[in-house]
N, C-alpha and C. Protein backbone atom coordinates (compact mmCIF):
# COMPACT_ATOMS: atom_id res chain seq x y z
N MET A 1 -150.73 -44.54 -69.59
CA MET A 1 -149.39 -44.96 -69.19
C MET A 1 -148.54 -45.15 -70.44
N PRO A 2 -147.29 -44.67 -70.41
CA PRO A 2 -146.44 -44.84 -71.59
C PRO A 2 -146.11 -46.30 -71.83
N THR A 3 -145.88 -46.61 -73.09
CA THR A 3 -145.51 -47.96 -73.46
C THR A 3 -144.06 -48.23 -73.05
N ILE A 4 -143.84 -49.38 -72.44
CA ILE A 4 -142.48 -49.79 -72.08
C ILE A 4 -141.99 -50.72 -73.17
N THR A 5 -141.07 -50.24 -73.98
CA THR A 5 -140.50 -51.06 -75.03
C THR A 5 -139.31 -51.82 -74.47
N PRO A 6 -138.86 -52.85 -75.18
CA PRO A 6 -137.74 -53.64 -74.66
C PRO A 6 -136.47 -52.83 -74.40
N ASP A 7 -136.32 -51.67 -75.05
CA ASP A 7 -135.10 -50.89 -74.86
C ASP A 7 -135.29 -49.67 -73.98
N THR A 8 -136.38 -49.62 -73.23
CA THR A 8 -136.63 -48.51 -72.32
C THR A 8 -135.85 -48.72 -71.02
N THR A 9 -135.10 -47.71 -70.58
CA THR A 9 -134.41 -47.77 -69.29
C THR A 9 -135.45 -47.83 -68.18
N ILE A 10 -135.20 -48.67 -67.19
CA ILE A 10 -136.12 -48.84 -66.07
C ILE A 10 -135.45 -48.34 -64.79
N ILE A 11 -136.16 -47.50 -64.06
CA ILE A 11 -135.73 -47.05 -62.74
C ILE A 11 -136.70 -47.64 -61.72
N VAL A 12 -136.16 -48.19 -60.66
CA VAL A 12 -136.96 -48.70 -59.55
C VAL A 12 -136.56 -47.92 -58.31
N ALA A 13 -137.54 -47.39 -57.61
CA ALA A 13 -137.25 -46.65 -56.37
C ALA A 13 -138.34 -46.98 -55.36
N GLY A 14 -137.92 -47.14 -54.11
CA GLY A 14 -138.91 -47.47 -53.11
C GLY A 14 -138.39 -47.40 -51.69
N THR A 15 -139.30 -47.67 -50.78
CA THR A 15 -138.97 -47.67 -49.36
C THR A 15 -139.48 -48.96 -48.72
N PHE A 16 -138.76 -49.37 -47.68
CA PHE A 16 -139.10 -50.56 -46.91
C PHE A 16 -139.13 -50.17 -45.44
N PRO A 17 -140.24 -50.41 -44.74
CA PRO A 17 -140.19 -50.22 -43.29
C PRO A 17 -139.39 -51.36 -42.68
N VAL A 18 -138.40 -51.01 -41.88
CA VAL A 18 -137.50 -52.01 -41.32
C VAL A 18 -137.31 -51.80 -39.83
N ASP A 19 -136.73 -52.79 -39.20
CA ASP A 19 -136.34 -52.69 -37.79
C ASP A 19 -134.96 -52.06 -37.74
N GLY A 20 -134.92 -50.74 -37.56
CA GLY A 20 -133.66 -50.00 -37.56
C GLY A 20 -132.67 -50.45 -36.51
N SER A 21 -133.15 -51.11 -35.46
CA SER A 21 -132.22 -51.60 -34.44
C SER A 21 -131.38 -52.76 -34.98
N GLN A 22 -131.77 -53.28 -36.12
CA GLN A 22 -131.04 -54.37 -36.77
C GLN A 22 -130.21 -53.86 -37.96
N ALA A 23 -129.72 -52.63 -37.86
CA ALA A 23 -129.01 -51.98 -38.96
C ALA A 23 -127.85 -52.82 -39.48
N ALA A 24 -127.09 -53.45 -38.60
CA ALA A 24 -125.94 -54.24 -39.04
C ALA A 24 -126.39 -55.39 -39.94
N ALA A 25 -127.43 -56.09 -39.56
CA ALA A 25 -127.95 -57.20 -40.37
C ALA A 25 -128.52 -56.69 -41.69
N LEU A 26 -129.22 -55.55 -41.64
CA LEU A 26 -129.77 -54.95 -42.86
C LEU A 26 -128.66 -54.57 -43.82
N LEU A 27 -127.62 -53.91 -43.30
CA LEU A 27 -126.51 -53.49 -44.15
C LEU A 27 -125.77 -54.69 -44.74
N ALA A 28 -125.58 -55.72 -43.96
CA ALA A 28 -124.89 -56.91 -44.46
C ALA A 28 -125.69 -57.54 -45.61
N ALA A 29 -126.98 -57.70 -45.42
CA ALA A 29 -127.83 -58.29 -46.47
C ALA A 29 -127.86 -57.38 -47.70
N ALA A 30 -128.01 -56.07 -47.49
CA ALA A 30 -128.08 -55.12 -48.60
C ALA A 30 -126.76 -55.08 -49.38
N ASN A 31 -125.64 -55.08 -48.68
CA ASN A 31 -124.35 -55.04 -49.36
C ASN A 31 -124.07 -56.31 -50.16
N GLU A 32 -124.47 -57.45 -49.61
CA GLU A 32 -124.31 -58.71 -50.34
C GLU A 32 -125.20 -58.71 -51.58
N MET A 33 -126.43 -58.25 -51.43
CA MET A 33 -127.35 -58.19 -52.56
C MET A 33 -126.83 -57.23 -53.62
N ARG A 34 -126.35 -56.08 -53.21
CA ARG A 34 -125.84 -55.09 -54.17
C ARG A 34 -124.67 -55.66 -54.96
N ALA A 35 -123.73 -56.27 -54.28
CA ALA A 35 -122.54 -56.82 -54.96
C ALA A 35 -122.95 -57.86 -56.00
N ALA A 36 -123.87 -58.73 -55.65
CA ALA A 36 -124.31 -59.77 -56.59
C ALA A 36 -125.10 -59.16 -57.74
N THR A 37 -125.95 -58.21 -57.44
CA THR A 37 -126.81 -57.63 -58.47
C THR A 37 -126.01 -56.81 -59.47
N LEU A 38 -124.99 -56.11 -59.02
CA LEU A 38 -124.18 -55.32 -59.94
C LEU A 38 -123.47 -56.20 -60.98
N GLN A 39 -123.37 -57.49 -60.72
CA GLN A 39 -122.77 -58.42 -61.67
C GLN A 39 -123.77 -58.88 -62.74
N GLU A 40 -125.04 -58.59 -62.54
CA GLU A 40 -126.06 -59.02 -63.49
C GLU A 40 -125.99 -58.21 -64.78
N ASP A 41 -126.21 -58.90 -65.89
CA ASP A 41 -126.28 -58.23 -67.18
C ASP A 41 -127.47 -57.26 -67.17
N GLY A 42 -127.21 -56.02 -67.48
CA GLY A 42 -128.28 -55.03 -67.56
C GLY A 42 -128.46 -54.18 -66.33
N CYS A 43 -127.75 -54.49 -65.24
CA CYS A 43 -127.83 -53.65 -64.05
C CYS A 43 -126.87 -52.48 -64.20
N VAL A 44 -127.41 -51.27 -64.15
CA VAL A 44 -126.60 -50.07 -64.26
C VAL A 44 -126.25 -49.52 -62.88
N GLU A 45 -127.22 -49.54 -61.97
CA GLU A 45 -127.02 -49.06 -60.59
C GLU A 45 -127.96 -49.79 -59.66
N TYR A 46 -127.49 -49.99 -58.43
CA TYR A 46 -128.29 -50.69 -57.42
C TYR A 46 -127.80 -50.21 -56.06
N ARG A 47 -128.63 -49.46 -55.35
CA ARG A 47 -128.21 -48.84 -54.08
C ARG A 47 -129.30 -48.97 -53.02
N PHE A 48 -128.83 -49.13 -51.79
CA PHE A 48 -129.69 -49.05 -50.62
C PHE A 48 -129.21 -47.90 -49.75
N SER A 49 -130.12 -47.29 -49.02
CA SER A 49 -129.76 -46.25 -48.06
C SER A 49 -130.85 -46.20 -46.99
N PHE A 50 -130.56 -45.45 -45.94
CA PHE A 50 -131.56 -45.24 -44.90
C PHE A 50 -132.03 -43.80 -44.96
N ALA A 51 -133.30 -43.58 -44.69
CA ALA A 51 -133.84 -42.22 -44.66
C ALA A 51 -133.14 -41.44 -43.56
N THR A 52 -132.76 -40.21 -43.85
CA THR A 52 -132.05 -39.40 -42.86
C THR A 52 -132.95 -39.00 -41.70
N ASP A 53 -134.25 -39.05 -41.90
CA ASP A 53 -135.18 -38.66 -40.85
C ASP A 53 -135.87 -39.84 -40.16
N ASP A 54 -135.51 -41.08 -40.57
CA ASP A 54 -136.18 -42.25 -39.99
C ASP A 54 -135.31 -43.49 -40.17
N VAL A 55 -134.65 -43.94 -39.12
CA VAL A 55 -133.77 -45.11 -39.20
C VAL A 55 -134.55 -46.39 -39.48
N ASN A 56 -135.87 -46.31 -39.42
CA ASN A 56 -136.71 -47.47 -39.69
C ASN A 56 -137.20 -47.51 -41.14
N THR A 57 -136.60 -46.70 -42.00
CA THR A 57 -136.95 -46.70 -43.42
C THR A 57 -135.70 -46.92 -44.25
N MET A 58 -135.69 -48.05 -44.96
CA MET A 58 -134.61 -48.34 -45.90
C MET A 58 -135.12 -48.02 -47.30
N MET A 59 -134.26 -47.39 -48.11
CA MET A 59 -134.64 -47.01 -49.46
C MET A 59 -133.82 -47.81 -50.48
N VAL A 60 -134.41 -48.03 -51.64
CA VAL A 60 -133.73 -48.71 -52.73
C VAL A 60 -133.82 -47.84 -53.98
N PHE A 61 -132.74 -47.83 -54.75
CA PHE A 61 -132.71 -47.17 -56.05
C PHE A 61 -132.02 -48.12 -57.01
N GLU A 62 -132.68 -48.40 -58.12
CA GLU A 62 -132.13 -49.31 -59.13
C GLU A 62 -132.25 -48.67 -60.51
N GLU A 63 -131.27 -48.94 -61.37
CA GLU A 63 -131.37 -48.56 -62.77
C GLU A 63 -131.03 -49.79 -63.60
N TRP A 64 -131.92 -50.10 -64.53
CA TRP A 64 -131.78 -51.28 -65.38
C TRP A 64 -131.77 -50.88 -66.85
N ARG A 65 -130.98 -51.55 -67.64
CA ARG A 65 -130.87 -51.27 -69.06
C ARG A 65 -132.24 -51.37 -69.74
N ASP A 66 -133.02 -52.37 -69.33
CA ASP A 66 -134.32 -52.58 -69.95
C ASP A 66 -135.17 -53.51 -69.07
N GLN A 67 -136.41 -53.72 -69.49
CA GLN A 67 -137.34 -54.55 -68.72
C GLN A 67 -136.86 -56.00 -68.65
N ASP A 68 -136.27 -56.51 -69.73
CA ASP A 68 -135.79 -57.89 -69.72
C ASP A 68 -134.75 -58.12 -68.62
N ALA A 69 -133.86 -57.16 -68.44
CA ALA A 69 -132.84 -57.28 -67.38
C ALA A 69 -133.48 -57.28 -66.00
N LEU A 70 -134.47 -56.43 -65.80
CA LEU A 70 -135.16 -56.39 -64.51
C LEU A 70 -135.93 -57.69 -64.27
N THR A 71 -136.57 -58.19 -65.29
CA THR A 71 -137.32 -59.45 -65.16
C THR A 71 -136.38 -60.59 -64.77
N ALA A 72 -135.21 -60.64 -65.39
CA ALA A 72 -134.23 -61.68 -65.05
C ALA A 72 -133.76 -61.53 -63.60
N HIS A 73 -133.63 -60.29 -63.15
CA HIS A 73 -133.20 -60.02 -61.77
C HIS A 73 -134.14 -60.67 -60.75
N PHE A 74 -135.43 -60.61 -61.03
CA PHE A 74 -136.42 -61.14 -60.09
C PHE A 74 -136.27 -62.64 -59.83
N VAL A 75 -135.68 -63.37 -60.76
CA VAL A 75 -135.52 -64.81 -60.59
C VAL A 75 -134.07 -65.21 -60.33
N ALA A 76 -133.19 -64.23 -60.12
CA ALA A 76 -131.79 -64.53 -59.81
C ALA A 76 -131.71 -65.22 -58.45
N PRO A 77 -130.83 -66.19 -58.30
CA PRO A 77 -130.72 -66.91 -57.02
C PRO A 77 -130.46 -65.99 -55.82
N HIS A 78 -129.65 -64.95 -56.00
CA HIS A 78 -129.37 -64.06 -54.87
C HIS A 78 -130.59 -63.25 -54.44
N MET A 79 -131.59 -63.13 -55.30
CA MET A 79 -132.84 -62.45 -54.91
C MET A 79 -133.56 -63.26 -53.84
N ALA A 80 -133.62 -64.56 -54.01
CA ALA A 80 -134.28 -65.42 -53.01
C ALA A 80 -133.52 -65.39 -51.68
N VAL A 81 -132.20 -65.39 -51.75
CA VAL A 81 -131.38 -65.32 -50.54
C VAL A 81 -131.64 -64.00 -49.82
N PHE A 82 -131.68 -62.91 -50.57
CA PHE A 82 -131.93 -61.58 -49.99
C PHE A 82 -133.31 -61.50 -49.35
N GLN A 83 -134.31 -62.00 -50.04
CA GLN A 83 -135.66 -61.97 -49.49
C GLN A 83 -135.75 -62.78 -48.19
N ALA A 84 -135.08 -63.89 -48.14
CA ALA A 84 -135.07 -64.69 -46.91
C ALA A 84 -134.37 -63.93 -45.78
N ALA A 85 -133.27 -63.24 -46.11
CA ALA A 85 -132.53 -62.49 -45.10
C ALA A 85 -133.37 -61.34 -44.54
N LEU A 86 -134.20 -60.74 -45.38
CA LEU A 86 -135.03 -59.61 -44.94
C LEU A 86 -136.29 -60.02 -44.20
N ALA A 87 -136.63 -61.29 -44.26
CA ALA A 87 -137.91 -61.75 -43.70
C ALA A 87 -138.16 -61.26 -42.28
N GLY A 88 -137.18 -61.30 -41.42
CA GLY A 88 -137.37 -60.86 -40.05
C GLY A 88 -137.02 -59.41 -39.80
N LEU A 89 -136.58 -58.72 -40.84
CA LEU A 89 -136.11 -57.35 -40.68
C LEU A 89 -137.06 -56.30 -41.26
N VAL A 90 -137.85 -56.70 -42.24
CA VAL A 90 -138.85 -55.79 -42.82
C VAL A 90 -140.11 -55.89 -41.96
N THR A 91 -140.61 -54.73 -41.55
CA THR A 91 -141.71 -54.71 -40.57
C THR A 91 -143.06 -54.35 -41.18
N GLY A 92 -143.11 -54.19 -42.48
CA GLY A 92 -144.37 -53.85 -43.13
C GLY A 92 -144.23 -53.97 -44.63
N ALA A 93 -145.25 -53.50 -45.32
CA ALA A 93 -145.26 -53.60 -46.78
C ALA A 93 -144.36 -52.55 -47.42
N PRO A 94 -143.48 -52.98 -48.32
CA PRO A 94 -142.67 -52.02 -49.06
C PRO A 94 -143.55 -51.20 -50.01
N VAL A 95 -143.07 -50.03 -50.35
CA VAL A 95 -143.69 -49.19 -51.38
C VAL A 95 -142.62 -49.00 -52.45
N VAL A 96 -142.81 -49.65 -53.60
CA VAL A 96 -141.80 -49.62 -54.65
C VAL A 96 -142.48 -49.27 -55.96
N HIS A 97 -141.84 -48.38 -56.71
CA HIS A 97 -142.38 -47.94 -58.00
C HIS A 97 -141.36 -48.20 -59.10
N LYS A 98 -141.89 -48.50 -60.30
CA LYS A 98 -141.07 -48.69 -61.49
C LYS A 98 -141.35 -47.52 -62.43
N PHE A 99 -140.28 -46.93 -62.95
CA PHE A 99 -140.39 -45.80 -63.87
C PHE A 99 -139.75 -46.21 -65.21
N ALA A 100 -140.45 -45.97 -66.30
CA ALA A 100 -139.90 -46.19 -67.63
C ALA A 100 -139.35 -44.86 -68.12
N VAL A 101 -138.07 -44.85 -68.44
CA VAL A 101 -137.38 -43.61 -68.78
C VAL A 101 -136.97 -43.67 -70.25
N SER A 102 -137.31 -42.64 -70.99
CA SER A 102 -136.96 -42.62 -72.41
C SER A 102 -135.63 -41.93 -72.67
N GLY A 103 -135.08 -41.25 -71.70
CA GLY A 103 -133.79 -40.60 -71.86
C GLY A 103 -133.29 -40.06 -70.54
N LYS A 104 -131.98 -39.83 -70.48
CA LYS A 104 -131.41 -39.25 -69.27
C LYS A 104 -130.20 -38.42 -69.63
N GLY A 105 -129.84 -37.51 -68.78
CA GLY A 105 -128.69 -36.65 -68.97
C GLY A 105 -128.41 -35.88 -67.71
N PRO A 106 -127.38 -35.07 -67.74
CA PRO A 106 -127.04 -34.31 -66.53
C PRO A 106 -128.13 -33.29 -66.16
N LEU A 107 -128.26 -33.05 -64.89
CA LEU A 107 -129.20 -32.04 -64.38
C LEU A 107 -128.61 -30.67 -64.65
N ARG A 108 -129.37 -29.85 -65.29
CA ARG A 108 -128.87 -28.50 -65.62
C ARG A 108 -129.85 -27.47 -65.14
């Protein structure tokens, strides 16, 4: 596994099994979480979406300046609020991966 240095960009991507019939509540919680998280130092991008082939799968994509920023995110007050809001809406174990990126640029 590559070494994650303090200045390595971090990408987080994953899926959450959710109760798609509760889309309005999911979107409200996700939008509130996104707005708060984008204000965090080191957050470059933070997005939620639903799988086009399964309304019961919510996806997350995050980009963080470095590991320290992501670590701080985990203890942000709005993280606890978001987790509480999702408690009755997530129907199984999320699958989330962290990627350490040494560089990025346009797709060519």
